[in-house]
PDB file of N, CA and C in Angstrom:
ATOM      1  N   MET A   1     -27.491  20.633  -0.646  1.00  0.00           N
ATOM      2  CA  MET A   1     -25.509  20.746  -1.059  1.00  0.00           C
ATOM      3  C   MET A   1     -25.877  21.022  -2.595  1.00  0.00           C
ATOM      4  N   THR A   2     -25.231  21.865  -2.886  1.00  0.00           N
ATOM      5  CA  THR A   2     -25.084  22.218  -4.350  1.00  0.00           C
ATOM      6  C   THR A   2     -24.420  21.304  -5.085  1.00  0.00           C
ATOM      7  N   THR A   3     -24.011  21.228  -6.532  1.00  0.00           N
ATOM      8  CA  THR A   3     -23.260  20.652  -7.317  1.00  0.00           C
ATOM      9  C   THR A   3     -21.821  20.674  -7.139  1.00  0.00           C
ATOM     10  N   THR A   4     -21.718  22.093  -6.849  1.00  0.00           N
ATOM     11  CA  THR A   4     -20.224  22.735  -6.627  1.00  0.00           C
ATOM     12  C   THR A   4     -19.540  21.985  -5.651  1.00  0.00           C
ATOM     13  N   GLU A   5     -20.572  21.823  -4.460  1.00  0.00           N
ATOM     14  CA  GLU A   5     -19.779  21.300  -3.154  1.00  0.00           C
ATOM     15  C   GLU A   5     -20.019  19.952  -3.522  1.00  0.00           C
ATOM     16  N   LYS A   6     -20.368  18.988  -4.282  1.00  0.00           N
ATOM     17  CA  LYS A   6     -20.665  17.471  -4.308  1.00  0.00           C
ATOM     18  C   LYS A   6     -19.178  17.476  -5.248  1.00  0.00           C
ATOM     19  N   ILE A   7     -19.020  18.166  -6.221  1.00  0.00           N
ATOM     20  CA  ILE A   7     -17.916  17.774  -7.110  1.00  0.00           C
ATOM     21  C   ILE A   7     -16.841  17.951  -6.177  1.00  0.00           C
ATOM     22  N   ALA A   8     -16.450  19.053  -5.202  1.00  0.00           N
ATOM     23  CA  ALA A   8     -15.508  19.252  -4.168  1.00  0.00           C
ATOM     24  C   ALA A   8     -15.407  17.986  -3.021  1.00  0.00           C
ATOM     25  N   ASN A   9     -16.335  17.417  -3.042  1.00  0.00           N
ATOM     26  CA  ASN A   9     -16.227  16.064  -2.046  1.00  0.00           C
ATOM     27  C   ASN A   9     -16.010  14.864  -2.619  1.00  0.00           C
ATOM     28  N   ALA A  10     -16.297  14.944  -4.067  1.00  0.00           N
ATOM     29  CA  ALA A  10     -15.808  13.476  -4.543  1.00  0.00           C
ATOM     30  C   ALA A  10     -14.356  13.830  -4.967  1.00  0.00           C
ATOM     31  N   LYS A  11     -13.961  15.104  -5.279  1.00  0.00           N
ATOM     32  CA  LYS A  11     -12.760  15.123  -5.356  1.00  0.00           C
ATOM     33  C   LYS A  11     -12.061  14.619  -4.537  1.00  0.00           C
ATOM     34  N   LYS A  12     -12.219  15.082  -3.126  1.00  0.00           N
ATOM     35  CA  LYS A  12     -11.564  14.953  -1.860  1.00  0.00           C
ATOM     36  C   LYS A  12     -11.220  13.159  -1.616  1.00  0.00           C
ATOM     37  N   ARG A  13     -12.802  12.564  -2.161  1.00  0.00           N
ATOM     38  CA  ARG A  13     -12.644  11.240  -2.034  1.00  0.00           C
ATOM     39  C   ARG A  13     -11.780  10.416  -2.756  1.00  0.00           C
ATOM     40  N   ILE A  14     -11.645  10.843  -4.246  1.00  0.00           N
ATOM     41  CA  ILE A  14     -10.739  10.157  -5.332  1.00  0.00           C
ATOM     42  C   ILE A  14      -9.141  10.678  -4.726  1.00  0.00           C
ATOM     43  N   ASP A  15      -8.863  11.687  -4.189  1.00  0.00           N
ATOM     44  CA  ASP A  15      -7.660  11.746  -3.823  1.00  0.00           C
ATOM     45  C   ASP A  15      -6.959  10.994  -2.576  1.00  0.00           C
ATOM     46  N   GLU A  16      -8.064  10.746  -1.869  1.00  0.00           N
ATOM     47  CA  GLU A  16      -8.075   9.890  -0.367  1.00  0.00           C
ATOM     48  C   GLU A  16      -7.730   8.648  -1.129  1.00  0.00           C
ATOM     49  N   LEU A  17      -8.539   7.830  -1.655  1.00  0.00           N
ATOM     50  CA  LEU A  17      -8.162   6.724  -2.803  1.00  0.00           C
ATOM     51  C   LEU A  17      -7.038   6.512  -3.393  1.00  0.00           C
ATOM     52  N   GLU A  18      -6.386   7.409  -4.092  1.00  0.00           N
ATOM     53  CA  GLU A  18      -5.759   7.507  -4.789  1.00  0.00           C
ATOM     54  C   GLU A  18      -3.996   7.472  -3.678  1.00  0.00           C
ATOM     55  N   ARG A  19      -4.072   7.977  -2.526  1.00  0.00           N
ATOM     56  CA  ARG A  19      -2.915   8.305  -1.773  1.00  0.00           C
ATOM     57  C   ARG A  19      -3.298   6.545  -0.876  1.00  0.00           C
ATOM     58  N   LEU A  20      -4.484   6.080  -0.707  1.00  0.00           N
ATOM     59  CA  LEU A  20      -4.365   4.832  -0.190  1.00  0.00           C
ATOM     60  C   LEU A  20      -3.875   3.661  -1.315  1.00  0.00           C
ATOM     61  N   ILE A  21      -4.132   3.895  -2.521  1.00  0.00           N
ATOM     62  CA  ILE A  21      -3.810   2.751  -3.499  1.00  0.00           C
ATOM     63  C   ILE A  21      -2.184   3.403  -3.427  1.00  0.00           C
ATOM     64  N   LYS A  22      -1.678   3.932  -3.664  1.00  0.00           N
ATOM     65  CA  LYS A  22       0.019   4.226  -3.395  1.00  0.00           C
ATOM     66  C   LYS A  22       0.521   3.780  -2.141  1.00  0.00           C
ATOM     67  N   PHE A  23      -0.209   4.188  -0.810  1.00  0.00           N
ATOM     68  CA  PHE A  23       0.460   3.390   0.231  1.00  0.00           C
ATOM     69  C   PHE A  23       0.026   1.512  -0.245  1.00  0.00           C
ATOM     70  N   TRP A  24      -0.942   1.469  -0.903  1.00  0.00           N
ATOM     71  CA  TRP A  24      -0.854  -0.199  -0.383  1.00  0.00           C
ATOM     72  C   TRP A  24      -0.197  -0.827  -1.279  1.00  0.00           C
ATOM     73  N   ASN A  25       0.300  -0.106  -2.677  1.00  0.00           N
ATOM     74  CA  ASN A  25       1.187  -0.685  -3.727  1.00  0.00           C
ATOM     75  C   ASN A  25       2.482  -0.698  -3.009  1.00  0.00           C
ATOM     76  N   ASN A  26       3.035   0.206  -2.443  1.00  0.00           N
ATOM     77  CA  ASN A  26       4.486   0.677  -1.917  1.00  0.00           C
ATOM     78  C   ASN A  26       4.257  -0.599  -0.536  1.00  0.00           C
ATOM     79  N   SER A  27       3.272  -0.601  -0.038  1.00  0.00           N
ATOM     80  CA  SER A  27       3.381  -2.011   1.226  1.00  0.00           C
ATOM     81  C   SER A  27       3.698  -3.021   0.376  1.00  0.00           C
ATOM     82  N   GLU A  28       2.911  -3.314  -0.759  1.00  0.00           N
ATOM     83  CA  GLU A  28       3.073  -4.868  -1.172  1.00  0.00           C
ATOM     84  C   GLU A  28       4.322  -5.131  -2.087  1.00  0.00           C
ATOM     85  N   GLN A  29       5.142  -4.009  -2.415  1.00  0.00           N
ATOM     86  CA  GLN A  29       6.378  -4.075  -2.703  1.00  0.00           C
ATOM     87  C   GLN A  29       7.186  -4.463  -1.906  1.00  0.00           C
ATOM     88  N   ASP A  30       7.048  -3.820  -0.558  1.00  0.00           N
ATOM     89  CA  ASP A  30       7.915  -4.047   0.541  1.00  0.00           C
ATOM     90  C   ASP A  30       7.947  -5.461   1.012  1.00  0.00           C
ATOM     91  N   GLU A  31       6.811  -6.120   1.077  1.00  0.00           N
ATOM     92  CA  GLU A  31       6.526  -7.501   1.571  1.00  0.00           C
ATOM     93  C   GLU A  31       7.325  -8.020   0.451  1.00  0.00           C
ATOM     94  N   THR A  32       7.222  -8.005  -0.596  1.00  0.00           N
ATOM     95  CA  THR A  32       7.869  -8.998  -1.916  1.00  0.00           C
ATOM     96  C   THR A  32       9.504  -8.802  -1.656  1.00  0.00           C
ATOM     97  N   LYS A  33       9.629  -7.740  -1.155  1.00  0.00           N
ATOM     98  CA  LYS A  33      11.315  -7.783  -0.938  1.00  0.00           C
ATOM     99  C   LYS A  33      11.535  -8.303   0.364  1.00  0.00           C
ATOM    100  N   ILE A  34      10.803  -8.552   1.212  1.00  0.00           N
ATOM    101  CA  ILE A  34      11.069  -9.185   2.173  1.00  0.00           C
ATOM    102  C   ILE A  34      10.960 -10.690   2.080  1.00  0.00           C
ATOM    103  N   ALA A  35       9.876 -10.684   1.185  1.00  0.00           N
ATOM    104  CA  ALA A  35       9.214 -12.292   0.998  1.00  0.00           C
ATOM    105  C   ALA A  35      10.435 -13.072   0.359  1.00  0.00           C
ATOM    106  N   ASN A  36      11.466 -11.940  -0.737  1.00  0.00           N
ATOM    107  CA  ASN A  36      12.130 -12.980  -1.510  1.00  0.00           C
ATOM    108  C   ASN A  36      13.441 -12.642  -0.950  1.00  0.00           C
ATOM    109  N   PHE A  37      13.504 -12.574   0.565  1.00  0.00           N
ATOM    110  CA  PHE A  37      15.001 -12.235   0.813  1.00  0.00           C
ATOM    111  C   PHE A  37      15.783 -13.639   1.122  1.00  0.00           C
ATOM    112  N   PRO A  38      17.114 -14.217   0.869  1.00  0.00           N
ATOM    113  CA  PRO A  38      17.419 -15.286   0.983  1.00  0.00           C
ATOM    114  C   PRO A  38      17.674 -15.577   2.320  1.00  0.00           C
ATOM    115  N   ILE A  39      17.346 -16.705   3.130  1.00  0.00           N
ATOM    116  CA  ILE A  39      17.379 -17.267   4.206  1.00  0.00           C
ATOM    117  C   ILE A  39      18.426 -18.642   4.039  1.00  0.00           C
ATOM    118  N   LYS A  40      19.570 -18.385   5.018  1.00  0.00           N
ATOM    119  CA  LYS A  40      20.483 -19.797   5.083  1.00  0.00           C
ATOM    120  C   LYS A  40      19.960 -20.206   6.280  1.00  0.00           C
ATOM    121  N   ILE A  41      19.969 -21.738   5.986  1.00  0.00           N
ATOM    122  CA  ILE A  41      19.501 -22.380   7.379  1.00  0.00           C
ATOM    123  C   ILE A  41      20.662 -23.317   7.611  1.00  0.00           C
ATOM    124  N   GLU A  42      20.957 -23.668   8.579  1.00  0.00           N
ATOM    125  CA  GLU A  42      22.237 -24.549   8.906  1.00  0.00           C
ATOM    126  C   GLU A  42      21.456 -25.687   9.864  1.00  0.00           C
ATOM    127  N   ASN A  43      21.613 -26.917   9.744  1.00  0.00           N
ATOM    128  CA  ASN A  43      21.116 -28.176  10.529  1.00  0.00           C
ATOM    129  C   ASN A  43      22.567 -28.259  11.379  1.00  0.00           C
ATOM    130  N   LYS A  44      22.362 -27.928  12.544  1.00  0.00           N
ATOM    131  CA  LYS A  44      23.209 -28.149  13.403  1.00  0.00           C
ATOM    132  C   LYS A  44      23.164 -28.806  14.724  1.00  0.00           C
ATOM    133  N   VAL A  45      23.730 -29.993  14.929  1.00  0.00           N
ATOM    134  CA  VAL A  45      23.691 -30.886  16.084  1.00  0.00           C
ATOM    135  C   VAL A  45      24.408 -30.706  17.515  1.00  0.00           C
ATOM    136  N   ALA A  46      23.622 -30.278  18.778  1.00  0.00           N
ATOM    137  CA  ALA A  46      24.229 -29.858  20.042  1.00  0.00           C
ATOM    138  C   ALA A  46      25.342 -31.146  20.435  1.00  0.00           C
TER     139      ALA A  46
END
């Protein structure tokens, strides 16, 4: 494998990792929005 091929493969891996990081960051933000959602609980007796 030539140096040029190694560099190209490394760039592909870096791009994939950057996409994963963005995905994880977005999913964490979505989870915090859900976790901070106010829930009203009423105690009712039948």
